[in-house]
Amino acid sequence: MLAHQGGWDEILLVLGPILVIGGLLYLAKKRVSAVQPTEPVSEPDAASPEPEGEQSA
């Protein structure tokens, strides 16, 4: 029924999946950015000197 409808049906067959995948990527990125903190938490550096009194012998 959709065969040879002037080309618009072929455009839908290509753009449909592209739009669905693009929408899913947008939602995934939105959810990830909502979960991540706005400022990265600085982890203690392994090369930093140990505090006074806790130095190993």
PDB file of N, CA and C in Angstrom:
ATOM      1  N   MET A   1       0.807  -1.193   0.000  1.00  0.00           N
ATOM      2  CA  MET A   1       0.000   0.000   0.000  1.00  0.00           C
ATOM      3  C   MET A   1       0.857   1.267   0.000  1.00  0.00           C
ATOM      4  N   LEU A   2       2.050   1.194   0.601  1.00  0.00           N
ATOM      5  CA  LEU A   2       2.924   2.356   0.627  1.00  0.00           C
ATOM      6  C   LEU A   2       3.951   2.342  -0.500  1.00  0.00           C
ATOM      7  N   ALA A   3       3.838   1.409  -1.440  1.00  0.00           N
ATOM      8  CA  ALA A   3       4.836   1.311  -2.492  1.00  0.00           C
ATOM      9  C   ALA A   3       4.692   2.448  -3.500  1.00  0.00           C
ATOM     10  N   HIS A   4       5.795   3.102  -3.799  1.00  0.00           N
ATOM     11  CA  HIS A   4       5.884   4.136  -4.832  1.00  0.00           C
ATOM     12  C   HIS A   4       4.886   5.268  -4.624  1.00  0.00           C
ATOM     13  N   GLN A   5       4.973   5.897  -3.495  1.00  0.00           N
ATOM     14  CA  GLN A   5       4.084   7.015  -3.179  1.00  0.00           C
ATOM     15  C   GLN A   5       4.768   8.359  -3.446  1.00  0.00           C
ATOM     16  N   GLY A   6       5.654   8.413  -4.403  1.00  0.00           N
ATOM     17  CA  GLY A   6       6.304   9.668  -4.742  1.00  0.00           C
ATOM     18  C   GLY A   6       7.571   9.915  -3.938  1.00  0.00           C
ATOM     19  N   GLY A   7       8.023   8.979  -3.167  1.00  0.00           N
ATOM     20  CA  GLY A   7       9.266   9.108  -2.430  1.00  0.00           C
ATOM     21  C   GLY A   7       9.104   9.441  -0.962  1.00  0.00           C
ATOM     22  N   TRP A   8       7.955   9.928  -0.534  1.00  0.00           N
ATOM     23  CA  TRP A   8       7.795  10.320   0.868  1.00  0.00           C
ATOM     24  C   TRP A   8       7.826   9.114   1.791  1.00  0.00           C
ATOM     25  N   ASP A   9       7.374   7.963   1.296  1.00  0.00           N
ATOM     26  CA  ASP A   9       7.382   6.777   2.146  1.00  0.00           C
ATOM     27  C   ASP A   9       8.806   6.270   2.383  1.00  0.00           C
ATOM     28  N   GLU A  10       9.664   6.374   1.353  1.00  0.00           N
ATOM     29  CA  GLU A  10      11.055   5.982   1.543  1.00  0.00           C
ATOM     30  C   GLU A  10      11.760   6.920   2.515  1.00  0.00           C
ATOM     31  N   ILE A  11      11.420   8.193   2.467  1.00  0.00           N
ATOM     32  CA  ILE A  11      11.993   9.163   3.404  1.00  0.00           C
ATOM     33  C   ILE A  11      11.602   8.787   4.830  1.00  0.00           C
ATOM     34  N   LEU A  12      10.351   8.384   5.041  1.00  0.00           N
ATOM     35  CA  LEU A  12       9.914   7.978   6.380  1.00  0.00           C
ATOM     36  C   LEU A  12      10.642   6.724   6.855  1.00  0.00           C
ATOM     37  N   LEU A  13      10.896   5.798   5.923  1.00  0.00           N
ATOM     38  CA  LEU A  13      11.592   4.570   6.299  1.00  0.00           C
ATOM     39  C   LEU A  13      13.031   4.844   6.734  1.00  0.00           C
ATOM     40  N   VAL A  14      13.624   5.917   6.231  1.00  0.00           N
ATOM     41  CA  VAL A  14      14.985   6.272   6.622  1.00  0.00           C
ATOM     42  C   VAL A  14      14.977   7.172   7.850  1.00  0.00           C
ATOM     43  N   LEU A  15      14.148   8.206   7.840  1.00  0.00           N
ATOM     44  CA  LEU A  15      14.147   9.181   8.931  1.00  0.00           C
ATOM     45  C   LEU A  15      13.511   8.645  10.211  1.00  0.00           C
ATOM     46  N   GLY A  16      12.577   7.731  10.108  1.00  0.00           N
ATOM     47  CA  GLY A  16      11.914   7.188  11.296  1.00  0.00           C
ATOM     48  C   GLY A  16      12.893   6.582  12.295  1.00  0.00           C
ATOM     49  N   PRO A  17      13.680   5.589  11.874  1.00  0.00           N
ATOM     50  CA  PRO A  17      14.649   5.000  12.810  1.00  0.00           C
ATOM     51  C   PRO A  17      15.710   5.997  13.282  1.00  0.00           C
ATOM     52  N   ILE A  18      16.132   6.909  12.404  1.00  0.00           N
ATOM     53  CA  ILE A  18      17.124   7.910  12.806  1.00  0.00           C
ATOM     54  C   ILE A  18      16.556   8.795  13.905  1.00  0.00           C
ATOM     55  N   LEU A  19      15.318   9.220  13.762  1.00  0.00           N
ATOM     56  CA  LEU A  19      14.693  10.068  14.784  1.00  0.00           C
ATOM     57  C   LEU A  19      14.490   9.310  16.092  1.00  0.00           C
ATOM     58  N   VAL A  20      14.128   8.040  16.009  1.00  0.00           N
ATOM     59  CA  VAL A  20      13.940   7.240  17.226  1.00  0.00           C
ATOM     60  C   VAL A  20      15.265   7.089  17.971  1.00  0.00           C
ATOM     61  N   ILE A  21      16.328   6.752  17.251  1.00  0.00           N
ATOM     62  CA  ILE A  21      17.641   6.587  17.891  1.00  0.00           C
ATOM     63  C   ILE A  21      18.130   7.915  18.447  1.00  0.00           C
ATOM     64  N   GLY A  22      17.940   8.999  17.698  1.00  0.00           N
ATOM     65  CA  GLY A  22      18.335  10.320  18.187  1.00  0.00           C
ATOM     66  C   GLY A  22      17.576  10.704  19.445  1.00  0.00           C
ATOM     67  N   GLY A  23      16.288  10.408  19.488  1.00  0.00           N
ATOM     68  CA  GLY A  23      15.492  10.702  20.677  1.00  0.00           C
ATOM     69  C   GLY A  23      15.939   9.893  21.879  1.00  0.00           C
ATOM     70  N   LEU A  24      16.262   8.625  21.663  1.00  0.00           N
ATOM     71  CA  LEU A  24      16.744   7.787  22.764  1.00  0.00           C
ATOM     72  C   LEU A  24      18.097   8.271  23.281  1.00  0.00           C
ATOM     73  N   LEU A  25      18.979   8.696  22.380  1.00  0.00           N
ATOM     74  CA  LEU A  25      20.270   9.235  22.813  1.00  0.00           C
ATOM     75  C   LEU A  25      20.090  10.522  23.604  1.00  0.00           C
ATOM     76  N   TYR A  26      19.156  11.362  23.174  1.00  0.00           N
ATOM     77  CA  TYR A  26      18.878  12.612  23.891  1.00  0.00           C
ATOM     78  C   TYR A  26      18.383  12.319  25.309  1.00  0.00           C
ATOM     79  N   LEU A  27      17.447  11.378  25.426  1.00  0.00           N
ATOM     80  CA  LEU A  27      16.922  11.033  26.749  1.00  0.00           C
ATOM     81  C   LEU A  27      18.002  10.419  27.639  1.00  0.00           C
ATOM     82  N   ALA A  28      18.850   9.570  27.069  1.00  0.00           N
ATOM     83  CA  ALA A  28      19.916   8.954  27.861  1.00  0.00           C
ATOM     84  C   ALA A  28      20.894  10.008  28.364  1.00  0.00           C
ATOM     85  N   LYS A  29      21.258  10.946  27.500  1.00  0.00           N
ATOM     86  CA  LYS A  29      22.190  11.995  27.916  1.00  0.00           C
ATOM     87  C   LYS A  29      21.559  12.883  28.983  1.00  0.00           C
ATOM     88  N   LYS A  30      20.282  13.156  28.840  1.00  0.00           N
ATOM     89  CA  LYS A  30      19.573  13.984  29.823  1.00  0.00           C
ATOM     90  C   LYS A  30      19.551  13.294  31.186  1.00  0.00           C
ATOM     91  N   ARG A  31      19.313  11.984  31.201  1.00  0.00           N
ATOM     92  CA  ARG A  31      19.274  11.243  32.465  1.00  0.00           C
ATOM     93  C   ARG A  31      20.652  11.158  33.107  1.00  0.00           C
ATOM     94  N   VAL A  32      21.690  10.976  32.298  1.00  0.00           N
ATOM     95  CA  VAL A  32      23.046  10.888  32.842  1.00  0.00           C
ATOM     96  C   VAL A  32      23.456  12.218  33.442  1.00  0.00           C
ATOM     97  N   SER A  33      23.168  13.318  32.760  1.00  0.00           N
ATOM     98  CA  SER A  33      23.560  14.626  33.286  1.00  0.00           C
ATOM     99  C   SER A  33      22.760  14.984  34.531  1.00  0.00           C
ATOM    100  N   ALA A  34      21.560  14.444  34.689  1.00  0.00           N
ATOM    101  CA  ALA A  34      20.770  14.709  35.890  1.00  0.00           C
ATOM    102  C   ALA A  34      21.319  13.941  37.088  1.00  0.00           C
ATOM    103  N   VAL A  35      21.940  12.794  36.854  1.00  0.00           N
ATOM    104  CA  VAL A  35      22.465  11.968  37.936  1.00  0.00           C
ATOM    105  C   VAL A  35      23.840  12.455  38.383  1.00  0.00           C
ATOM    106  N   GLN A  36      24.664  12.909  37.444  1.00  0.00           N
ATOM    107  CA  GLN A  36      26.016  13.351  37.775  1.00  0.00           C
ATOM    108  C   GLN A  36      25.980  14.652  38.558  1.00  0.00           C
ATOM    109  N   PRO A  37      26.887  14.807  39.528  1.00  0.00           N
ATOM    110  CA  PRO A  37      26.968  16.086  40.249  1.00  0.00           C
ATOM    111  C   PRO A  37      27.474  17.181  39.317  1.00  0.00           C
ATOM    112  N   THR A  38      27.083  18.421  39.615  1.00  0.00           N
ATOM    113  CA  THR A  38      27.472  19.532  38.752  1.00  0.00           C
ATOM    114  C   THR A  38      28.964  19.818  38.844  1.00  0.00           C
ATOM    115  N   GLU A  39      29.560  19.659  40.026  1.00  0.00           N
ATOM    116  CA  GLU A  39      30.994  19.863  40.204  1.00  0.00           C
ATOM    117  C   GLU A  39      31.637  18.530  40.539  1.00  0.00           C
ATOM    118  N   PRO A  40      32.694  18.154  39.832  1.00  0.00           N
ATOM    119  CA  PRO A  40      33.332  16.878  40.155  1.00  0.00           C
ATOM    120  C   PRO A  40      33.964  16.927  41.538  1.00  0.00           C
ATOM    121  N   VAL A  41      33.786  15.853  42.278  1.00  0.00           N
ATOM    122  CA  VAL A  41      34.342  15.751  43.624  1.00  0.00           C
ATOM    123  C   VAL A  41      35.799  15.356  43.478  1.00  0.00           C
ATOM    124  N   SER A  42      36.688  16.117  44.097  1.00  0.00           N
ATOM    125  CA  SER A  42      38.115  15.815  43.965  1.00  0.00           C
ATOM    126  C   SER A  42      38.477  14.669  44.901  1.00  0.00           C
ATOM    127  N   GLU A  43      39.040  13.640  44.323  1.00  0.00           N
ATOM    128  CA  GLU A  43      39.488  12.480  45.087  1.00  0.00           C
ATOM    129  C   GLU A  43      40.862  12.799  45.663  1.00  0.00           C
ATOM    130  N   PRO A  44      41.199  12.255  46.817  1.00  0.00           N
ATOM    131  CA  PRO A  44      42.545  12.472  47.342  1.00  0.00           C
ATOM    132  C   PRO A  44      43.575  11.873  46.390  1.00  0.00           C
ATOM    133  N   ASP A  45      44.602  12.628  46.114  1.00  0.00           N
ATOM    134  CA  ASP A  45      45.635  12.195  45.182  1.00  0.00           C
ATOM    135  C   ASP A  45      46.547  11.172  45.856  1.00  0.00           C
ATOM    136  N   ALA A  46      46.877  10.104  45.155  1.00  0.00           N
ATOM    137  CA  ALA A  46      47.726   9.056  45.723  1.00  0.00           C
ATOM    138  C   ALA A  46      49.146   9.564  45.955  1.00  0.00           C
ATOM    139  N   ALA A  47      49.577  10.569  45.201  1.00  0.00           N
ATOM    140  CA  ALA A  47      50.937  11.084  45.335  1.00  0.00           C
ATOM    141  C   ALA A  47      51.040  12.172  46.396  1.00  0.00           C
ATOM    142  N   SER A  48      49.930  12.560  47.000  1.00  0.00           N
ATOM    143  CA  SER A  48      49.978  13.626  48.001  1.00  0.00           C
ATOM    144  C   SER A  48      50.629  13.106  49.280  1.00  0.00           C
ATOM    145  N   PRO A  49      51.322  13.973  50.011  1.00  0.00           N
ATOM    146  CA  PRO A  49      51.971  13.528  51.252  1.00  0.00           C
ATOM    147  C   PRO A  49      50.942  13.130  52.297  1.00  0.00           C
ATOM    148  N   GLU A  50      51.336  12.171  53.136  1.00  0.00           N
ATOM    149  CA  GLU A  50      50.438  11.708  54.192  1.00  0.00           C
ATOM    150  C   GLU A  50      50.369  12.754  55.296  1.00  0.00           C
ATOM    151  N   PRO A  51      49.253  12.821  56.006  1.00  0.00           N
ATOM    152  CA  PRO A  51      49.140  13.780  57.112  1.00  0.00           C
ATOM    153  C   PRO A  51      50.152  13.477  58.212  1.00  0.00           C
ATOM    154  N   GLU A  52      50.464  14.495  59.007  1.00  0.00           N
ATOM    155  CA  GLU A  52      51.423  14.355  60.114  1.00  0.00           C
ATOM    156  C   GLU A  52      50.952  13.263  61.070  1.00  0.00           C
ATOM    157  N   GLY A  53      51.850  12.454  61.559  1.00  0.00           N
ATOM    158  CA  GLY A  53      51.511  11.445  62.543  1.00  0.00           C
ATOM    159  C   GLY A  53      51.080  10.129  61.935  1.00  0.00           C
ATOM    160  N   GLU A  54      50.775  10.087  60.642  1.00  0.00           N
ATOM    161  CA  GLU A  54      50.340   8.850  60.011  1.00  0.00           C
ATOM    162  C   GLU A  54      51.354   8.364  58.991  1.00  0.00           C
ATOM    163  N   GLN A  55      52.579   8.838  59.075  1.00  0.00           N
ATOM    164  CA  GLN A  55      53.596   8.431  58.120  1.00  0.00           C
ATOM    165  C   GLN A  55      54.069   7.023  58.440  1.00  0.00           C
ATOM    166  N   SER A  56      54.248   6.235  57.402  1.00  0.00           N
ATOM    167  CA  SER A  56      54.695   4.861  57.614  1.00  0.00           C
ATOM    168  C   SER A  56      56.210   4.829  57.753  1.00  0.00           C
ATOM    169  N   ALA A  57      56.698   3.858  58.503  1.00  0.00           N
ATOM    170  CA  ALA A  57      58.142   3.786  58.771  1.00  0.00           C
ATOM    171  C   ALA A  57      58.848   2.962  57.741  1.00  0.00           C
TER     172      ALA A  57
END
